[in-house]
Amino acid sequence: AWQTSIADGVTSGDLSVDAAESIRKGLGMVDDAVTPT
């Protein structure tokens, strides 16, 4: 669910698709050390 903020950013025009993918790839996924929050 944390990634929905990125999707909202693209839909609202605050983020380009390239910027959204950079954030998604750079932050990575949820694991034992990093929470969705």
PDB file of all heavy atoms in Angstrom:
ATOM      1  N   ALA A   1       0.816  -1.218   0.000  1.00  0.00           N
ATOM      2  CA  ALA A   1       0.000   0.000   0.000  1.00  0.00           C
ATOM      3  C   ALA A   1       0.847   1.265   0.000  1.00  0.00           C
ATOM      4  O   ALA A   1       0.391   2.309  -0.453  1.00  0.00           O
ATOM      5  CB  ALA A   1      -0.928  -0.012   1.214  1.00  0.00           C
ATOM      6  N   TRP A   2       2.087   1.187   0.524  1.00  0.00           N
ATOM      7  CA  TRP A   2       2.917   2.392   0.576  1.00  0.00           C
ATOM      8  C   TRP A   2       3.174   2.946  -0.818  1.00  0.00           C
ATOM      9  O   TRP A   2       3.376   4.150  -0.993  1.00  0.00           O
ATOM     10  CB  TRP A   2       4.241   2.086   1.275  1.00  0.00           C
ATOM     11  CG  TRP A   2       5.158   1.177   0.506  1.00  0.00           C
ATOM     12  CD1 TRP A   2       5.226  -0.175   0.572  1.00  0.00           C
ATOM     13  CD2 TRP A   2       6.140   1.576  -0.459  1.00  0.00           C
ATOM     14  NE1 TRP A   2       6.179  -0.657  -0.295  1.00  0.00           N
ATOM     15  CE2 TRP A   2       6.759   0.401  -0.933  1.00  0.00           C
ATOM     16  CE3 TRP A   2       6.554   2.812  -0.957  1.00  0.00           C
ATOM     17  CZ2 TRP A   2       7.764   0.418  -1.890  1.00  0.00           C
ATOM     18  CZ3 TRP A   2       7.563   2.828  -1.913  1.00  0.00           C
ATOM     19  CH2 TRP A   2       8.148   1.639  -2.364  1.00  0.00           C
ATOM     20  N   GLN A   3       3.120   2.080  -1.850  1.00  0.00           N
ATOM     21  CA  GLN A   3       3.414   2.538  -3.201  1.00  0.00           C
ATOM     22  C   GLN A   3       2.269   3.317  -3.825  1.00  0.00           C
ATOM     23  O   GLN A   3       2.433   3.925  -4.879  1.00  0.00           O
ATOM     24  CB  GLN A   3       3.770   1.337  -4.091  1.00  0.00           C
ATOM     25  CG  GLN A   3       5.019   0.603  -3.622  1.00  0.00           C
ATOM     26  CD  GLN A   3       5.432  -0.500  -4.550  1.00  0.00           C
ATOM     27  OE1 GLN A   3       6.081  -0.258  -5.559  1.00  0.00           O
ATOM     28  NE2 GLN A   3       5.071  -1.723  -4.223  1.00  0.00           N
ATOM     29  N   THR A   4       1.097   3.282  -3.194  1.00  0.00           N
ATOM     30  CA  THR A   4      -0.020   4.030  -3.762  1.00  0.00           C
ATOM     31  C   THR A   4       0.237   5.527  -3.756  1.00  0.00           C
ATOM     32  O   THR A   4      -0.316   6.256  -4.580  1.00  0.00           O
ATOM     33  CB  THR A   4      -1.319   3.728  -2.988  1.00  0.00           C
ATOM     34  OG1 THR A   4      -1.146   4.093  -1.609  1.00  0.00           O
ATOM     35  CG2 THR A   4      -1.691   2.263  -3.088  1.00  0.00           C
ATOM     36  N   SER A   5       1.070   6.000  -2.833  1.00  0.00           N
ATOM     37  CA  SER A   5       1.397   7.432  -2.833  1.00  0.00           C
ATOM     38  C   SER A   5       2.160   7.802  -4.102  1.00  0.00           C
ATOM     39  O   SER A   5       2.001   8.911  -4.633  1.00  0.00           O
ATOM     40  CB  SER A   5       2.219   7.797  -1.599  1.00  0.00           C
ATOM     41  OG  SER A   5       3.414   7.036  -1.528  1.00  0.00           O
ATOM     42  N   ILE A   6       2.990   6.883  -4.604  1.00  0.00           N
ATOM     43  CA  ILE A   6       3.704   7.120  -5.861  1.00  0.00           C
ATOM     44  C   ILE A   6       2.709   7.170  -7.012  1.00  0.00           C
ATOM     45  O   ILE A   6       2.774   8.054  -7.880  1.00  0.00           O
ATOM     46  CB  ILE A   6       4.754   6.024  -6.102  1.00  0.00           C
ATOM     47  CG1 ILE A   6       5.761   5.977  -4.951  1.00  0.00           C
ATOM     48  CG2 ILE A   6       5.465   6.239  -7.434  1.00  0.00           C
ATOM     49  CD1 ILE A   6       6.771   4.856  -5.066  1.00  0.00           C
ATOM     50  N   ALA A   7       1.770   6.210  -7.022  1.00  0.00           N
ATOM     51  CA  ALA A   7       0.754   6.188  -8.074  1.00  0.00           C
ATOM     52  C   ALA A   7      -0.088   7.451  -8.046  1.00  0.00           C
ATOM     53  O   ALA A   7      -0.404   8.036  -9.093  1.00  0.00           O
ATOM     54  CB  ALA A   7      -0.127   4.948  -7.913  1.00  0.00           C
ATOM     55  N   ASP A   8      -0.468   7.896  -6.851  1.00  0.00           N
ATOM     56  CA  ASP A   8      -1.224   9.155  -6.717  1.00  0.00           C
ATOM     57  C   ASP A   8      -0.440  10.319  -7.299  1.00  0.00           C
ATOM     58  O   ASP A   8      -1.005  11.212  -7.932  1.00  0.00           O
ATOM     59  CB  ASP A   8      -1.539   9.430  -5.245  1.00  0.00           C
ATOM     60  CG  ASP A   8      -2.681   8.569  -4.717  1.00  0.00           C
ATOM     61  OD1 ASP A   8      -3.503   8.140  -5.534  1.00  0.00           O
ATOM     62  OD2 ASP A   8      -2.719   8.322  -3.503  1.00  0.00           O
ATOM     63  N   GLY A   9       0.876  10.315  -7.065  1.00  0.00           N
ATOM     64  CA  GLY A   9       1.713  11.394  -7.571  1.00  0.00           C
ATOM     65  C   GLY A   9       1.716  11.470  -9.082  1.00  0.00           C
ATOM     66  O   GLY A   9       1.705  12.554  -9.669  1.00  0.00           O
ATOM     67  N   VAL A  10       1.718  10.303  -9.751  1.00  0.00           N
ATOM     68  CA  VAL A  10       1.672  10.282 -11.222  1.00  0.00           C
ATOM     69  C   VAL A  10       0.316  10.766 -11.711  1.00  0.00           C
ATOM     70  O   VAL A  10       0.216  11.589 -12.632  1.00  0.00           O
ATOM     71  CB  VAL A  10       1.971   8.868 -11.756  1.00  0.00           C
ATOM     72  CG1 VAL A  10       1.875   8.842 -13.280  1.00  0.00           C
ATOM     73  CG2 VAL A  10       3.355   8.409 -11.314  1.00  0.00           C
ATOM     74  N   THR A  11      -0.752  10.257 -11.094  1.00  0.00           N
ATOM     75  CA  THR A  11      -2.097  10.625 -11.525  1.00  0.00           C
ATOM     76  C   THR A  11      -2.351  12.116 -11.351  1.00  0.00           C
ATOM     77  O   THR A  11      -2.977  12.756 -12.193  1.00  0.00           O
ATOM     78  CB  THR A  11      -3.148   9.834 -10.724  1.00  0.00           C
ATOM     79  OG1 THR A  11      -2.908   8.426 -10.899  1.00  0.00           O
ATOM     80  CG2 THR A  11      -4.555  10.153 -11.195  1.00  0.00           C
ATOM     81  N   SER A  12      -1.839  12.687 -10.261  1.00  0.00           N
ATOM     82  CA  SER A  12      -2.058  14.107 -10.000  1.00  0.00           C
ATOM     83  C   SER A  12      -1.163  15.011 -10.840  1.00  0.00           C
ATOM     84  O   SER A  12      -1.379  16.218 -10.899  1.00  0.00           O
ATOM     85  CB  SER A  12      -1.818  14.406  -8.523  1.00  0.00           C
ATOM     86  OG  SER A  12      -0.442  14.206  -8.185  1.00  0.00           O
ATOM     87  N   GLY A  13      -0.151  14.442 -11.480  1.00  0.00           N
ATOM     88  CA  GLY A  13       0.766  15.241 -12.275  1.00  0.00           C
ATOM     89  C   GLY A  13       1.979  15.732 -11.517  1.00  0.00           C
ATOM     90  O   GLY A  13       2.838  16.412 -12.086  1.00  0.00           O
ATOM     91  N   ASP A  14       2.096  15.382 -10.229  1.00  0.00           N
ATOM     92  CA  ASP A  14       3.261  15.803  -9.442  1.00  0.00           C
ATOM     93  C   ASP A  14       4.507  15.010  -9.807  1.00  0.00           C
ATOM     94  O   ASP A  14       5.633  15.459  -9.565  1.00  0.00           O
ATOM     95  CB  ASP A  14       2.978  15.637  -7.944  1.00  0.00           C
ATOM     96  CG  ASP A  14       1.925  16.612  -7.437  1.00  0.00           C
ATOM     97  OD1 ASP A  14       1.788  17.687  -8.056  1.00  0.00           O
ATOM     98  OD2 ASP A  14       1.241  16.292  -6.452  1.00  0.00           O
ATOM     99  N   LEU A  15       4.323  13.804 -10.345  1.00  0.00           N
ATOM    100  CA  LEU A  15       5.441  12.936 -10.712  1.00  0.00           C
ATOM    101  C   LEU A  15       5.336  12.520 -12.174  1.00  0.00           C
ATOM    102  O   LEU A  15       4.252  12.203 -12.659  1.00  0.00           O
ATOM    103  CB  LEU A  15       5.430  11.656  -9.860  1.00  0.00           C
ATOM    104  CG  LEU A  15       5.906  11.695  -8.416  1.00  0.00           C
ATOM    105  CD1 LEU A  15       5.819  10.299  -7.826  1.00  0.00           C
ATOM    106  CD2 LEU A  15       7.326  12.215  -8.324  1.00  0.00           C
ATOM    107  N   SER A  16       6.468  12.504 -12.850  1.00  0.00           N
ATOM    108  CA  SER A  16       6.521  11.864 -14.158  1.00  0.00           C
ATOM    109  C   SER A  16       6.639  10.357 -13.955  1.00  0.00           C
ATOM    110  O   SER A  16       6.952   9.888 -12.856  1.00  0.00           O
ATOM    111  CB  SER A  16       7.722  12.375 -14.960  1.00  0.00           C
ATOM    112  OG  SER A  16       8.938  11.948 -14.352  1.00  0.00           O
ATOM    113  N   VAL A  17       6.406   9.596 -15.006  1.00  0.00           N
ATOM    114  CA  VAL A  17       6.554   8.143 -14.908  1.00  0.00           C
ATOM    115  C   VAL A  17       8.002   7.789 -14.584  1.00  0.00           C
ATOM    116  O   VAL A  17       8.279   6.889 -13.783  1.00  0.00           O
ATOM    117  CB  VAL A  17       6.094   7.464 -16.216  1.00  0.00           C
ATOM    118  CG1 VAL A  17       6.478   5.984 -16.231  1.00  0.00           C
ATOM    119  CG2 VAL A  17       4.589   7.599 -16.376  1.00  0.00           C
ATOM    120  N   ASP A  18       8.956   8.512 -15.194  1.00  0.00           N
ATOM    121  CA  ASP A  18      10.370   8.248 -14.910  1.00  0.00           C
ATOM    122  C   ASP A  18      10.690   8.515 -13.437  1.00  0.00           C
ATOM    123  O   ASP A  18      11.413   7.747 -12.798  1.00  0.00           O
ATOM    124  CB  ASP A  18      11.264   9.134 -15.796  1.00  0.00           C
ATOM    125  CG  ASP A  18      11.315   8.643 -17.226  1.00  0.00           C
ATOM    126  OD1 ASP A  18      11.129   7.433 -17.450  1.00  0.00           O
ATOM    127  OD2 ASP A  18      11.531   9.467 -18.125  1.00  0.00           O
ATOM    128  N   ALA A  19      10.159   9.610 -12.899  1.00  0.00           N
ATOM    129  CA  ALA A  19      10.405   9.937 -11.493  1.00  0.00           C
ATOM    130  C   ALA A  19       9.781   8.881 -10.583  1.00  0.00           C
ATOM    131  O   ALA A  19      10.381   8.463  -9.587  1.00  0.00           O
ATOM    132  CB  ALA A  19       9.847  11.315 -11.173  1.00  0.00           C
ATOM    133  N   ALA A  20       8.574   8.443 -10.926  1.00  0.00           N
ATOM    134  CA  ALA A  20       7.896   7.425 -10.117  1.00  0.00           C
ATOM    135  C   ALA A  20       8.696   6.128 -10.092  1.00  0.00           C
ATOM    136  O   ALA A  20       8.864   5.505  -9.035  1.00  0.00           O
ATOM    137  CB  ALA A  20       6.499   7.168 -10.664  1.00  0.00           C
ATOM    138  N   GLU A  21       9.196   5.719 -11.245  1.00  0.00           N
ATOM    139  CA  GLU A  21       9.974   4.480 -11.301  1.00  0.00           C
ATOM    140  C   GLU A  21      11.290   4.627 -10.544  1.00  0.00           C
ATOM    141  O   GLU A  21      11.770   3.678  -9.916  1.00  0.00           O
ATOM    142  CB  GLU A  21      10.239   4.094 -12.764  1.00  0.00           C
ATOM    143  CG  GLU A  21      11.012   2.810 -12.966  1.00  0.00           C
ATOM    144  CD  GLU A  21      10.277   1.559 -12.513  1.00  0.00           C
ATOM    145  OE1 GLU A  21       9.190   1.674 -11.889  1.00  0.00           O
ATOM    146  OE2 GLU A  21      10.785   0.459 -12.765  1.00  0.00           O
ATOM    147  N   SER A  22      11.892   5.814 -10.579  1.00  0.00           N
ATOM    148  CA  SER A  22      13.124   6.048  -9.822  1.00  0.00           C
ATOM    149  C   SER A  22      12.879   5.900  -8.325  1.00  0.00           C
ATOM    150  O   SER A  22      13.686   5.295  -7.609  1.00  0.00           O
ATOM    151  CB  SER A  22      13.674   7.449 -10.128  1.00  0.00           C
ATOM    152  OG  SER A  22      14.141   7.539 -11.456  1.00  0.00           O
ATOM    153  N   ILE A  23      11.770   6.450  -7.850  1.00  0.00           N
ATOM    154  CA  ILE A  23      11.444   6.339  -6.430  1.00  0.00           C
ATOM    155  C   ILE A  23      11.166   4.887  -6.065  1.00  0.00           C
ATOM    156  O   ILE A  23      11.645   4.376  -5.044  1.00  0.00           O
ATOM    157  CB  ILE A  23      10.239   7.233  -6.081  1.00  0.00           C
ATOM    158  CG1 ILE A  23      10.612   8.714  -6.257  1.00  0.00           C
ATOM    159  CG2 ILE A  23       9.751   6.971  -4.664  1.00  0.00           C
ATOM    160  CD1 ILE A  23       9.445   9.670  -6.066  1.00  0.00           C
ATOM    161  N   ARG A  24      10.370   4.206  -6.889  1.00  0.00           N
ATOM    162  CA  ARG A  24      10.015   2.808  -6.604  1.00  0.00           C
ATOM    163  C   ARG A  24      11.252   1.921  -6.558  1.00  0.00           C
ATOM    164  O   ARG A  24      11.446   1.132  -5.620  1.00  0.00           O
ATOM    165  CB  ARG A  24       9.050   2.285  -7.669  1.00  0.00           C
ATOM    166  CG  ARG A  24       8.468   0.914  -7.374  1.00  0.00           C
ATOM    167  CD  ARG A  24       7.786   0.336  -8.595  1.00  0.00           C
ATOM    168  NE  ARG A  24       8.758  -0.007  -9.627  1.00  0.00           N
ATOM    169  CZ  ARG A  24       9.470  -1.126  -9.644  1.00  0.00           C
ATOM    170  NH1 ARG A  24       9.348  -2.006  -8.672  1.00  0.00           N
ATOM    171  NH2 ARG A  24      10.331  -1.359 -10.613  1.00  0.00           N
ATOM    172  N   LYS A  25      12.118   2.050  -7.541  1.00  0.00           N
ATOM    173  CA  LYS A  25      13.317   1.210  -7.588  1.00  0.00           C
ATOM    174  C   LYS A  25      14.301   1.594  -6.493  1.00  0.00           C
ATOM    175  O   LYS A  25      14.949   0.728  -5.897  1.00  0.00           O
ATOM    176  CB  LYS A  25      13.991   1.330  -8.962  1.00  0.00           C
ATOM    177  CG  LYS A  25      13.231   0.645 -10.079  1.00  0.00           C
ATOM    178  CD  LYS A  25      13.880   0.879 -11.435  1.00  0.00           C
ATOM    179  CE  LYS A  25      15.262   0.288 -11.493  1.00  0.00           C
ATOM    180  NZ  LYS A  25      15.883   0.477 -12.833  1.00  0.00           N
ATOM    181  N   GLY A  26      14.430   2.887  -6.236  1.00  0.00           N
ATOM    182  CA  GLY A  26      15.390   3.333  -5.239  1.00  0.00           C
ATOM    183  C   GLY A  26      15.019   2.924  -3.828  1.00  0.00           C
ATOM    184  O   GLY A  26      15.883   2.530  -3.039  1.00  0.00           O
ATOM    185  N   LEU A  27      13.733   2.989  -3.499  1.00  0.00           N
ATOM    186  CA  LEU A  27      13.300   2.632  -2.148  1.00  0.00           C
ATOM    187  C   LEU A  27      13.219   1.127  -1.931  1.00  0.00           C
ATOM    188  O   LEU A  27      13.365   0.644  -0.808  1.00  0.00           O
ATOM    189  CB  LEU A  27      11.933   3.264  -1.852  1.00  0.00           C
ATOM    190  CG  LEU A  27      11.911   4.779  -1.633  1.00  0.00           C
ATOM    191  CD1 LEU A  27      10.500   5.249  -1.339  1.00  0.00           C
ATOM    192  CD2 LEU A  27      12.847   5.188  -0.500  1.00  0.00           C
ATOM    193  N   GLY A  28      12.983   0.363  -3.007  1.00  0.00           N
ATOM    194  CA  GLY A  28      12.915  -1.086  -2.854  1.00  0.00           C
ATOM    195  C   GLY A  28      11.606  -1.532  -2.224  1.00  0.00           C
ATOM    196  O   GLY A  28      10.627  -0.785  -2.163  1.00  0.00           O
ATOM    197  N   MET A  29      11.604  -2.748  -1.717  1.00  0.00           N
ATOM    198  CA  MET A  29      10.385  -3.354  -1.195  1.00  0.00           C
ATOM    199  C   MET A  29      10.435  -3.492   0.321  1.00  0.00           C
ATOM    200  O   MET A  29      11.482  -3.369   0.944  1.00  0.00           O
ATOM    201  CB  MET A  29      10.172  -4.726  -1.838  1.00  0.00           C
ATOM    202  CG  MET A  29      10.031  -4.677  -3.353  1.00  0.00           C
ATOM    203  SD  MET A  29       8.662  -3.618  -3.898  1.00  0.00           S
ATOM    204  CE  MET A  29       7.267  -4.543  -3.258  1.00  0.00           C
ATOM    205  N   VAL A  30       9.246  -3.779   0.875  1.00  0.00           N
ATOM    206  CA  VAL A  30       9.138  -4.030   2.311  1.00  0.00           C
ATOM    207  C   VAL A  30       9.871  -5.332   2.653  1.00  0.00           C
ATOM    208  O   VAL A  30       9.820  -6.306   1.908  1.00  0.00           O
ATOM    209  CB  VAL A  30       7.654  -4.157   2.717  1.00  0.00           C
ATOM    210  CG1 VAL A  30       7.517  -4.576   4.181  1.00  0.00           C
ATOM    211  CG2 VAL A  30       6.929  -2.841   2.462  1.00  0.00           C
ATOM    212  N   ASP A  31      10.607  -5.330   3.766  1.00  0.00           N
ATOM    213  CA  ASP A  31      11.222  -6.566   4.251  1.00  0.00           C
ATOM    214  C   ASP A  31      11.247  -6.529   5.773  1.00  0.00           C
ATOM    215  O   ASP A  31      10.571  -5.705   6.394  1.00  0.00           O
ATOM    216  CB  ASP A  31      12.626  -6.786   3.661  1.00  0.00           C
ATOM    217  CG  ASP A  31      13.586  -5.639   3.967  1.00  0.00           C
ATOM    218  OD1 ASP A  31      13.346  -4.903   4.951  1.00  0.00           O
ATOM    219  OD2 ASP A  31      14.579  -5.482   3.238  1.00  0.00           O
ATOM    220  N   ASP A  32      12.015  -7.411   6.378  1.00  0.00           N
ATOM    221  CA  ASP A  32      12.033  -7.496   7.839  1.00  0.00           C
ATOM    222  C   ASP A  32      12.585  -6.236   8.493  1.00  0.00           C
ATOM    223  O   ASP A  32      12.283  -5.952   9.659  1.00  0.00           O
ATOM    224  CB  ASP A  32      12.869  -8.706   8.285  1.00  0.00           C
ATOM    225  CG  ASP A  32      12.222 -10.025   7.900  1.00  0.00           C
ATOM    226  OD1 ASP A  32      10.997 -10.023   7.664  1.00  0.00           O
ATOM    227  OD2 ASP A  32      12.942 -11.048   7.833  1.00  0.00           O
ATOM    228  N   ALA A  33      13.415  -5.487   7.758  1.00  0.00           N
ATOM    229  CA  ALA A  33      14.067  -4.317   8.353  1.00  0.00           C
ATOM    230  C   ALA A  33      13.318  -3.015   8.107  1.00  0.00           C
ATOM    231  O   ALA A  33      13.480  -2.056   8.853  1.00  0.00           O
ATOM    232  CB  ALA A  33      15.495  -4.195   7.818  1.00  0.00           C
ATOM    233  N   VAL A  34      12.514  -2.957   7.041  1.00  0.00           N
ATOM    234  CA  VAL A  34      11.854  -1.707   6.654  1.00  0.00           C
ATOM    235  C   VAL A  34      10.362  -1.946   6.515  1.00  0.00           C
ATOM    236  O   VAL A  34       9.933  -2.837   5.779  1.00  0.00           O
ATOM    237  CB  VAL A  34      12.435  -1.168   5.320  1.00  0.00           C
ATOM    238  CG1 VAL A  34      11.757   0.145   4.946  1.00  0.00           C
ATOM    239  CG2 VAL A  34      13.939  -0.964   5.429  1.00  0.00           C
ATOM    240  N   THR A  35       9.572  -1.146   7.206  1.00  0.00           N
ATOM    241  CA  THR A  35       8.125  -1.335   7.246  1.00  0.00           C
ATOM    242  C   THR A  35       7.432  -0.532   6.142  1.00  0.00           C
ATOM    243  O   THR A  35       7.995   0.440   5.615  1.00  0.00           O
ATOM    244  CB  THR A  35       7.563  -0.880   8.599  1.00  0.00           C
ATOM    245  OG1 THR A  35       7.725   0.548   8.715  1.00  0.00           O
ATOM    246  CG2 THR A  35       8.289  -1.571   9.747  1.00  0.00           C
ATOM    247  N   PRO A  36       6.179  -0.899   5.808  1.00  0.00           N
ATOM    248  CA  PRO A  36       5.416  -0.104   4.834  1.00  0.00           C
ATOM    249  C   PRO A  36       5.241   1.348   5.281  1.00  0.00           C
ATOM    250  O   PRO A  36       5.275   2.258   4.453  1.00  0.00           O
ATOM    251  CB  PRO A  36       4.061  -0.831   4.781  1.00  0.00           C
ATOM    252  CG  PRO A  36       4.358  -2.230   5.203  1.00  0.00           C
ATOM    253  CD  PRO A  36       5.459  -2.116   6.214  1.00  0.00           C
ATOM    254  N   THR A  37       5.070   1.568   6.573  1.00  0.00           N
ATOM    255  CA  THR A  37       4.905   2.935   7.082  1.00  0.00           C
ATOM    256  C   THR A  37       6.145   3.775   6.801  1.00  0.00           C
ATOM    257  O   THR A  37       6.059   4.939   6.388  1.00  0.00           O
ATOM    258  CB  THR A  37       4.625   2.912   8.592  1.00  0.00           C
ATOM    259  OG1 THR A  37       3.432   2.154   8.838  1.00  0.00           O
ATOM    260  CG2 THR A  37       4.448   4.323   9.134  1.00  0.00           C
TER     261      THR A  37
END
